[in-house]
PDB file of N, CA and C in Angstrom:
ATOM      1  N   UNK A   1       0.837  -1.180   0.000  1.00  0.00           N
ATOM      2  CA  UNK A   1       0.000   0.000   0.000  1.00  0.00           C
ATOM      3  C   UNK A   1       0.883   1.244   0.000  1.00  0.00           C
ATOM      4  N   UNK A   2       0.549   2.212  -0.842  1.00  0.00           N
ATOM      5  CA  UNK A   2       1.346   3.428  -0.928  1.00  0.00           C
ATOM      6  C   UNK A   2       0.712   4.534  -0.096  1.00  0.00           C
ATOM      7  N   UNK A   3       1.565   5.398   0.407  1.00  0.00           N
ATOM      8  CA  UNK A   3       1.118   6.502   1.252  1.00  0.00           C
ATOM      9  C   UNK A   3       0.685   7.683   0.389  1.00  0.00           C
ATOM     10  N   UNK A   4      -0.216   8.493   0.921  1.00  0.00           N
ATOM     11  CA  UNK A   4      -0.608   9.733   0.265  1.00  0.00           C
ATOM     12  C   UNK A   4       0.548  10.715   0.389  1.00  0.00           C
ATOM     13  N   UNK A   5       0.934  11.318  -0.719  1.00  0.00           N
ATOM     14  CA  UNK A   5       2.042  12.265  -0.733  1.00  0.00           C
ATOM     15  C   UNK A   5       1.458  13.670  -0.801  1.00  0.00           C
ATOM     16  N   UNK A   6       1.815  14.531   0.139  1.00  0.00           N
ATOM     17  CA  UNK A   6       1.231  15.869   0.207  1.00  0.00           C
ATOM     18  C   UNK A   6       1.375  16.668  -1.089  1.00  0.00           C
ATOM     19  N   UNK A   7       0.255  17.175  -1.595  1.00  0.00           N
ATOM     20  CA  UNK A   7       0.255  18.050  -2.757  1.00  0.00           C
ATOM     21  C   UNK A   7       0.490  17.392  -4.090  1.00  0.00           C
ATOM     22  N   UNK A   8       0.688  16.094  -4.124  1.00  0.00           N
ATOM     23  CA  UNK A   8       0.980  15.393  -5.378  1.00  0.00           C
ATOM     24  C   UNK A   8      -0.226  15.455  -6.303  1.00  0.00           C
ATOM     25  N   UNK A   9      -0.084  16.052  -7.510  1.00  0.00           N
ATOM     26  CA  UNK A   9      -1.226  16.209  -8.413  1.00  0.00           C
ATOM     27  C   UNK A   9      -1.559  14.991  -9.272  1.00  0.00           C
ATOM     28  N   UNK A  10      -0.833  13.898  -9.086  1.00  0.00           N
ATOM     29  CA  UNK A  10      -1.128  12.648  -9.783  1.00  0.00           C
ATOM     30  C   UNK A  10      -1.153  11.547  -8.726  1.00  0.00           C
ATOM     31  N   UNK A  11      -1.572  10.354  -9.121  1.00  0.00           N
ATOM     32  CA  UNK A  11      -1.611   9.255  -8.155  1.00  0.00           C
ATOM     33  C   UNK A  11      -0.201   8.741  -7.867  1.00  0.00           C
ATOM     34  N   UNK A  12      -0.074   8.041  -6.773  1.00  0.00           N
ATOM     35  CA  UNK A  12       1.211   7.421  -6.424  1.00  0.00           C
ATOM     36  C   UNK A  12       1.643   6.429  -7.496  1.00  0.00           C
ATOM     37  N   UNK A  13       0.683   5.691  -8.071  1.00  0.00           N
ATOM     38  CA  UNK A  13       1.014   4.749  -9.140  1.00  0.00           C
ATOM     39  C   UNK A  13       1.556   5.474 -10.368  1.00  0.00           C
ATOM     40  N   UNK A  14       0.968   6.634 -10.686  1.00  0.00           N
ATOM     41  CA  UNK A  14       1.447   7.415 -11.833  1.00  0.00           C
ATOM     42  C   UNK A  14       2.834   7.989 -11.564  1.00  0.00           C
ATOM     43  N   UNK A  15       3.095   8.395 -10.330  1.00  0.00           N
ATOM     44  CA  UNK A  15       4.430   8.885  -9.985  1.00  0.00           C
ATOM     45  C   UNK A  15       5.452   7.757 -10.102  1.00  0.00           C
ATOM     46  N   UNK A  16       5.104   6.573  -9.637  1.00  0.00           N
ATOM     47  CA  UNK A  16       6.005   5.418  -9.777  1.00  0.00           C
ATOM     48  C   UNK A  16       6.277   5.142 -11.256  1.00  0.00           C
ATOM     49  N   UNK A  17       5.247   5.222 -12.090  1.00  0.00           N
ATOM     50  CA  UNK A  17       5.429   4.999 -13.528  1.00  0.00           C
ATOM     51  C   UNK A  17       6.360   6.052 -14.129  1.00  0.00           C
ATOM     52  N   UNK A  18       6.242   7.285 -13.687  1.00  0.00           N
ATOM     53  CA  UNK A  18       7.156   8.340 -14.158  1.00  0.00           C
ATOM     54  C   UNK A  18       8.583   8.018 -13.733  1.00  0.00           C
ATOM     55  N   UNK A  19       8.783   7.660 -12.474  1.00  0.00           N
ATOM     56  CA  UNK A  19      10.123   7.294 -12.009  1.00  0.00           C
ATOM     57  C   UNK A  19      10.674   6.126 -12.825  1.00  0.00           C
ATOM     58  N   UNK A  20       9.857   5.107 -13.035  1.00  0.00           N
ATOM     59  CA  UNK A  20      10.300   3.933 -13.802  1.00  0.00           C
ATOM     60  C   UNK A  20      10.691   4.334 -15.223  1.00  0.00           C
ATOM     61  N   UNK A  21       9.893   5.196 -15.838  1.00  0.00           N
ATOM     62  CA  UNK A  21      10.179   5.638 -17.205  1.00  0.00           C
ATOM     63  C   UNK A  21      11.507   6.401 -17.265  1.00  0.00           C
ATOM     64  N   UNK A  22      11.684   7.350 -16.378  1.00  0.00           N
ATOM     65  CA  UNK A  22      12.902   8.160 -16.407  1.00  0.00           C
ATOM     66  C   UNK A  22      14.133   7.359 -15.998  1.00  0.00           C
ATOM     67  N   UNK A  23      13.958   6.293 -15.235  1.00  0.00           N
ATOM     68  CA  UNK A  23      15.060   5.480 -14.736  1.00  0.00           C
ATOM     69  C   UNK A  23      15.283   4.231 -15.587  1.00  0.00           C
ATOM     70  N   UNK A  24      14.806   4.246 -16.814  1.00  0.00           N
ATOM     71  CA  UNK A  24      14.935   3.084 -17.704  1.00  0.00           C
ATOM     72  C   UNK A  24      16.388   2.898 -18.158  1.00  0.00           C
ATOM     73  N   UNK A  25      16.656   1.737 -18.725  1.00  0.00           N
ATOM     74  CA  UNK A  25      17.988   1.457 -19.263  1.00  0.00           C
ATOM     75  C   UNK A  25      18.227   2.300 -20.502  1.00  0.00           C
ATOM     76  N   UNK A  26      19.436   2.810 -20.625  1.00  0.00           N
ATOM     77  CA  UNK A  26      19.890   3.561 -21.798  1.00  0.00           C
ATOM     78  C   UNK A  26      19.000   4.754 -22.172  1.00  0.00           C
ATOM     79  N   UNK A  27      18.680   5.626 -21.210  1.00  0.00           N
ATOM     80  CA  UNK A  27      17.896   6.806 -21.571  1.00  0.00           C
ATOM     81  C   UNK A  27      18.756   7.788 -22.370  1.00  0.00           C
ATOM     82  N   UNK A  28      18.107   8.711 -23.037  1.00  0.00           N
ATOM     83  CA  UNK A  28      18.830   9.794 -23.697  1.00  0.00           C
ATOM     84  C   UNK A  28      19.536  10.609 -22.613  1.00  0.00           C
ATOM     85  N   UNK A  29      20.663  11.227 -22.918  1.00  0.00           N
ATOM     86  CA  UNK A  29      21.316  12.082 -21.925  1.00  0.00           C
ATOM     87  C   UNK A  29      20.377  13.214 -21.494  1.00  0.00           C
ATOM     88  N   UNK A  30      20.456  13.596 -20.240  1.00  0.00           N
ATOM     89  CA  UNK A  30      19.599  14.653 -19.720  1.00  0.00           C
ATOM     90  C   UNK A  30      19.931  15.966 -20.428  1.00  0.00           C
ATOM     91  N   UNK A  31      18.901  16.681 -20.826  1.00  0.00           N
ATOM     92  CA  UNK A  31      19.070  17.993 -21.464  1.00  0.00           C
ATOM     93  C   UNK A  31      18.970  19.113 -20.431  1.00  0.00           C
ATOM     94  N   UNK A  32      18.885  18.746 -19.166  1.00  0.00           N
ATOM     95  CA  UNK A  32      18.759  19.674 -18.044  1.00  0.00           C
ATOM     96  C   UNK A  32      17.495  20.508 -18.157  1.00  0.00           C
ATOM     97  N   UNK A  33      16.448  19.844 -18.662  1.00  0.00           N
ATOM     98  CA  UNK A  33      15.097  20.392 -18.739  1.00  0.00           C
ATOM     99  C   UNK A  33      14.155  19.280 -18.264  1.00  0.00           C
ATOM    100  N   UNK A  34      12.881  19.577 -18.252  1.00  0.00           N
ATOM    101  CA  UNK A  34      11.867  18.561 -17.950  1.00  0.00           C
ATOM    102  C   UNK A  34      11.267  17.991 -19.239  1.00  0.00           C
ATOM    103  N   UNK A  35      12.037  17.948 -20.315  1.00  0.00           N
ATOM    104  CA  UNK A  35      11.530  17.501 -21.621  1.00  0.00           C
ATOM    105  C   UNK A  35      10.865  16.133 -21.547  1.00  0.00           C
ATOM    106  N   UNK A  36      11.570  15.133 -21.055  1.00  0.00           N
ATOM    107  CA  UNK A  36      11.013  13.774 -21.016  1.00  0.00           C
ATOM    108  C   UNK A  36       9.889  13.660 -20.002  1.00  0.00           C
ATOM    109  N   UNK A  37      10.003  14.350 -18.890  1.00  0.00           N
ATOM    110  CA  UNK A  37       8.945  14.333 -17.887  1.00  0.00           C
ATOM    111  C   UNK A  37       7.667  14.914 -18.469  1.00  0.00           C
ATOM    112  N   UNK A  38       7.780  16.072 -19.117  1.00  0.00           N
ATOM    113  CA  UNK A  38       6.603  16.722 -19.706  1.00  0.00           C
ATOM    114  C   UNK A  38       5.992  15.856 -20.802  1.00  0.00           C
ATOM    115  N   UNK A  39       6.817  15.233 -21.630  1.00  0.00           N
ATOM    116  CA  UNK A  39       6.307  14.351 -22.695  1.00  0.00           C
ATOM    117  C   UNK A  39       5.572  13.155 -22.096  1.00  0.00           C
ATOM    118  N   UNK A  40       6.137  12.559 -21.050  1.00  0.00           N
ATOM    119  CA  UNK A  40       5.496  11.420 -20.384  1.00  0.00           C
ATOM    120  C   UNK A  40       4.134  11.841 -19.828  1.00  0.00           C
ATOM    121  N   UNK A  41       4.108  12.941 -19.096  1.00  0.00           N
ATOM    122  CA  UNK A  41       2.855  13.406 -18.483  1.00  0.00           C
ATOM    123  C   UNK A  41       1.805  13.716 -19.547  1.00  0.00           C
ATOM    124  N   UNK A  42       2.196  14.420 -20.605  1.00  0.00           N
ATOM    125  CA  UNK A  42       1.258  14.768 -21.672  1.00  0.00           C
ATOM    126  C   UNK A  42       0.717  13.518 -22.366  1.00  0.00           C
ATOM    127  N   UNK A  43       1.587  12.550 -22.610  1.00  0.00           N
ATOM    128  CA  UNK A  43       1.164  11.314 -23.279  1.00  0.00           C
ATOM    129  C   UNK A  43       0.142  10.539 -22.445  1.00  0.00           C
ATOM    130  N   UNK A  44       0.204  10.702 -21.126  1.00  0.00           N
ATOM    131  CA  UNK A  44      -0.714  10.011 -20.212  1.00  0.00           C
ATOM    132  C   UNK A  44      -1.899  10.893 -19.819  1.00  0.00           C
ATOM    133  N   UNK A  45      -2.005  12.079 -20.446  1.00  0.00           N
ATOM    134  CA  UNK A  45      -3.071  13.052 -20.133  1.00  0.00           C
ATOM    135  C   UNK A  45      -3.075  13.432 -18.649  1.00  0.00           C
ATOM    136  N   UNK A  46      -1.878  13.604 -18.102  1.00  0.00           N
ATOM    137  CA  UNK A  46      -1.707  14.018 -16.715  1.00  0.00           C
ATOM    138  C   UNK A  46      -1.385  15.510 -16.680  1.00  0.00           C
ATOM    139  N   UNK A  47      -1.640  16.172 -15.563  1.00  0.00           N
ATOM    140  CA  UNK A  47      -1.428  17.622 -15.473  1.00  0.00           C
ATOM    141  C   UNK A  47       0.066  17.991 -15.494  1.00  0.00           C
ATOM    142  N   UNK A  48       0.505  18.576 -16.590  1.00  0.00           N
ATOM    143  CA  UNK A  48       1.931  18.848 -16.774  1.00  0.00           C
ATOM    144  C   UNK A  48       2.425  19.954 -15.836  1.00  0.00           C
ATOM    145  N   UNK A  49       1.868  21.145 -15.934  1.00  0.00           N
ATOM    146  CA  UNK A  49       2.379  22.270 -15.143  1.00  0.00           C
ATOM    147  C   UNK A  49       2.273  22.036 -13.638  1.00  0.00           C
ATOM    148  N   UNK A  50       1.122  21.564 -13.120  1.00  0.00           N
ATOM    149  CA  UNK A  50       1.077  21.295 -11.679  1.00  0.00           C
ATOM    150  C   UNK A  50       2.117  20.261 -11.247  1.00  0.00           C
ATOM    151  N   UNK A  51       2.351  19.268 -12.092  1.00  0.00           N
ATOM    152  CA  UNK A  51       3.321  18.239 -11.733  1.00  0.00           C
ATOM    153  C   UNK A  51       4.750  18.781 -11.788  1.00  0.00           C
ATOM    154  N   UNK A  52       5.069  19.599 -12.789  1.00  0.00           N
ATOM    155  CA  UNK A  52       6.404  20.189 -12.853  1.00  0.00           C
ATOM    156  C   UNK A  52       6.641  21.100 -11.655  1.00  0.00           C
ATOM    157  N   UNK A  53       5.617  21.821 -11.236  1.00  0.00           N
ATOM    158  CA  UNK A  53       5.734  22.655 -10.033  1.00  0.00           C
ATOM    159  C   UNK A  53       5.982  21.791  -8.806  1.00  0.00           C
ATOM    160  N   UNK A  54       5.241  20.692  -8.690  1.00  0.00           N
ATOM    161  CA  UNK A  54       5.421  19.790  -7.554  1.00  0.00           C
ATOM    162  C   UNK A  54       6.840  19.219  -7.548  1.00  0.00           C
ATOM    163  N   UNK A  55       7.311  18.785  -8.714  1.00  0.00           N
ATOM    164  CA  UNK A  55       8.665  18.239  -8.805  1.00  0.00           C
ATOM    165  C   UNK A  55       9.700  19.290  -8.408  1.00  0.00           C
ATOM    166  N   UNK A  56       9.521  20.522  -8.880  1.00  0.00           N
ATOM    167  CA  UNK A  56      10.434  21.596  -8.523  1.00  0.00           C
ATOM    168  C   UNK A  56      10.465  21.853  -7.028  1.00  0.00           C
ATOM    169  N   UNK A  57       9.311  21.730  -6.397  1.00  0.00           N
ATOM    170  CA  UNK A  57       9.230  21.917  -4.948  1.00  0.00           C
ATOM    171  C   UNK A  57       9.763  20.714  -4.174  1.00  0.00           C
ATOM    172  N   UNK A  58      10.044  19.633  -4.895  1.00  0.00           N
ATOM    173  CA  UNK A  58      10.538  18.412  -4.257  1.00  0.00           C
ATOM    174  C   UNK A  58      11.906  18.011  -4.795  1.00  0.00           C
ATOM    175  N   UNK A  59      12.716  19.009  -5.135  1.00  0.00           N
ATOM    176  CA  UNK A  59      14.125  18.782  -5.418  1.00  0.00           C
ATOM    177  C   UNK A  59      14.535  18.581  -6.853  1.00  0.00           C
ATOM    178  N   UNK A  60      13.603  18.643  -7.804  1.00  0.00           N
ATOM    179  CA  UNK A  60      13.966  18.382  -9.192  1.00  0.00           C
ATOM    180  C   UNK A  60      13.961  19.663 -10.018  1.00  0.00           C
ATOM    181  N   UNK A  61      15.022  19.842 -10.797  1.00  0.00           N
ATOM    182  CA  UNK A  61      15.098  20.963 -11.718  1.00  0.00           C
ATOM    183  C   UNK A  61      15.196  20.510 -13.159  1.00  0.00           C
ATOM    184  N   UNK A  62      15.243  19.180 -13.353  1.00  0.00           N
ATOM    185  CA  UNK A  62      15.320  18.604 -14.693  1.00  0.00           C
ATOM    186  C   UNK A  62      15.004  17.107 -14.585  1.00  0.00           C
ATOM    187  N   UNK A  63      14.980  16.428 -15.735  1.00  0.00           N
ATOM    188  CA  UNK A  63      14.624  15.009 -15.760  1.00  0.00           C
ATOM    189  C   UNK A  63      15.526  14.151 -14.865  1.00  0.00           C
ATOM    190  N   UNK A  64      16.839  14.347 -14.934  1.00  0.00           N
ATOM    191  CA  UNK A  64      17.721  13.482 -14.132  1.00  0.00           C
ATOM    192  C   UNK A  64      17.557  13.754 -12.640  1.00  0.00           C
ATOM    193  N   UNK A  65      17.223  14.987 -12.266  1.00  0.00           N
ATOM    194  CA  UNK A  65      17.022  15.284 -10.847  1.00  0.00           C
ATOM    195  C   UNK A  65      15.711  14.694 -10.317  1.00  0.00           C
ATOM    196  N   UNK A  66      14.782  14.390 -11.232  1.00  0.00           N
ATOM    197  CA  UNK A  66      13.576  13.675 -10.793  1.00  0.00           C
ATOM    198  C   UNK A  66      14.000  12.343 -10.176  1.00  0.00           C
ATOM    199  N   UNK A  67      14.961  11.679 -10.794  1.00  0.00           N
ATOM    200  CA  UNK A  67      15.448  10.397 -10.275  1.00  0.00           C
ATOM    201  C   UNK A  67      16.388  10.605  -9.099  1.00  0.00           C
ATOM    202  N   UNK A  68      17.384  11.464  -9.251  1.00  0.00           N
ATOM    203  CA  UNK A  68      18.409  11.610  -8.215  1.00  0.00           C
ATOM    204  C   UNK A  68      17.883  12.247  -6.938  1.00  0.00           C
ATOM    205  N   UNK A  69      16.901  13.135  -7.034  1.00  0.00           N
ATOM    206  CA  UNK A  69      16.426  13.844  -5.849  1.00  0.00           C
ATOM    207  C   UNK A  69      15.017  13.425  -5.430  1.00  0.00           C
ATOM    208  N   UNK A  70      14.073  13.528  -6.361  1.00  0.00           N
ATOM    209  CA  UNK A  70      12.680  13.275  -5.988  1.00  0.00           C
ATOM    210  C   UNK A  70      12.419  11.795  -5.764  1.00  0.00           C
ATOM    211  N   UNK A  71      12.935  10.930  -6.634  1.00  0.00           N
ATOM    212  CA  UNK A  71      12.770   9.492  -6.436  1.00  0.00           C
ATOM    213  C   UNK A  71      13.473   9.070  -5.154  1.00  0.00           C
ATOM    214  N   UNK A  72      14.625   9.654  -4.886  1.00  0.00           N
ATOM    215  CA  UNK A  72      15.347   9.309  -3.649  1.00  0.00           C
ATOM    216  C   UNK A  72      14.505   9.645  -2.424  1.00  0.00           C
ATOM    217  N   UNK A  73      13.702  10.702  -2.516  1.00  0.00           N
ATOM    218  CA  UNK A  73      12.869  11.118  -1.379  1.00  0.00           C
ATOM    219  C   UNK A  73      11.556  10.365  -1.304  1.00  0.00           C
ATOM    220  N   UNK A  74      10.891  10.141  -2.443  1.00  0.00           N
ATOM    221  CA  UNK A  74       9.534   9.590  -2.455  1.00  0.00           C
ATOM    222  C   UNK A  74       9.419   8.208  -3.076  1.00  0.00           C
ATOM    223  N   UNK A  75      10.463   7.693  -3.699  1.00  0.00           N
ATOM    224  CA  UNK A  75      10.384   6.414  -4.402  1.00  0.00           C
ATOM    225  C   UNK A  75       9.886   5.264  -3.559  1.00  0.00           C
ATOM    226  N   UNK A  76      10.410   5.126  -2.378  1.00  0.00           N
ATOM    227  CA  UNK A  76       9.990   4.007  -1.514  1.00  0.00           C
ATOM    228  C   UNK A  76       8.505   4.097  -1.170  1.00  0.00           C
ATOM    229  N   UNK A  77       8.019   5.301  -1.003  1.00  0.00           N
ATOM    230  CA  UNK A  77       6.609   5.478  -0.649  1.00  0.00           C
ATOM    231  C   UNK A  77       5.652   5.157  -1.804  1.00  0.00           C
ATOM    232  N   UNK A  78       6.173   5.143  -3.027  1.00  0.00           N
ATOM    233  CA  UNK A  78       5.322   4.775  -4.168  1.00  0.00           C
ATOM    234  C   UNK A  78       5.643   3.369  -4.679  1.00  0.00           C
ATOM    235  N   UNK A  79       6.429   2.618  -3.917  1.00  0.00           N
ATOM    236  CA  UNK A  79       6.656   1.218  -4.247  1.00  0.00           C
ATOM    237  C   UNK A  79       7.855   0.923  -5.126  1.00  0.00           C
ATOM    238  N   UNK A  80       8.841   1.808  -5.127  1.00  0.00           N
ATOM    239  CA  UNK A  80      10.074   1.542  -5.896  1.00  0.00           C
ATOM    240  C   UNK A  80      11.119   0.953  -5.004  1.00  0.00           C
TER     241      UNK A  80
END
């Protein structure tokens, strides 16, 4: 069972899917933007801007920081 994460604009399962996607084998090098994160969210019809704001407030400034900072903080709580 996953815990409710304060202010998270998507479900815990969707956040885990984002972490899994960004942490896949052989990803493109980080462009130091949220390019892949935004593309993932848009493809899943998830709220892009609210989620990017949430990620920024939780240690991420780009795609690789979603894994290095935000996943490190919240990954276990979403089942990673």
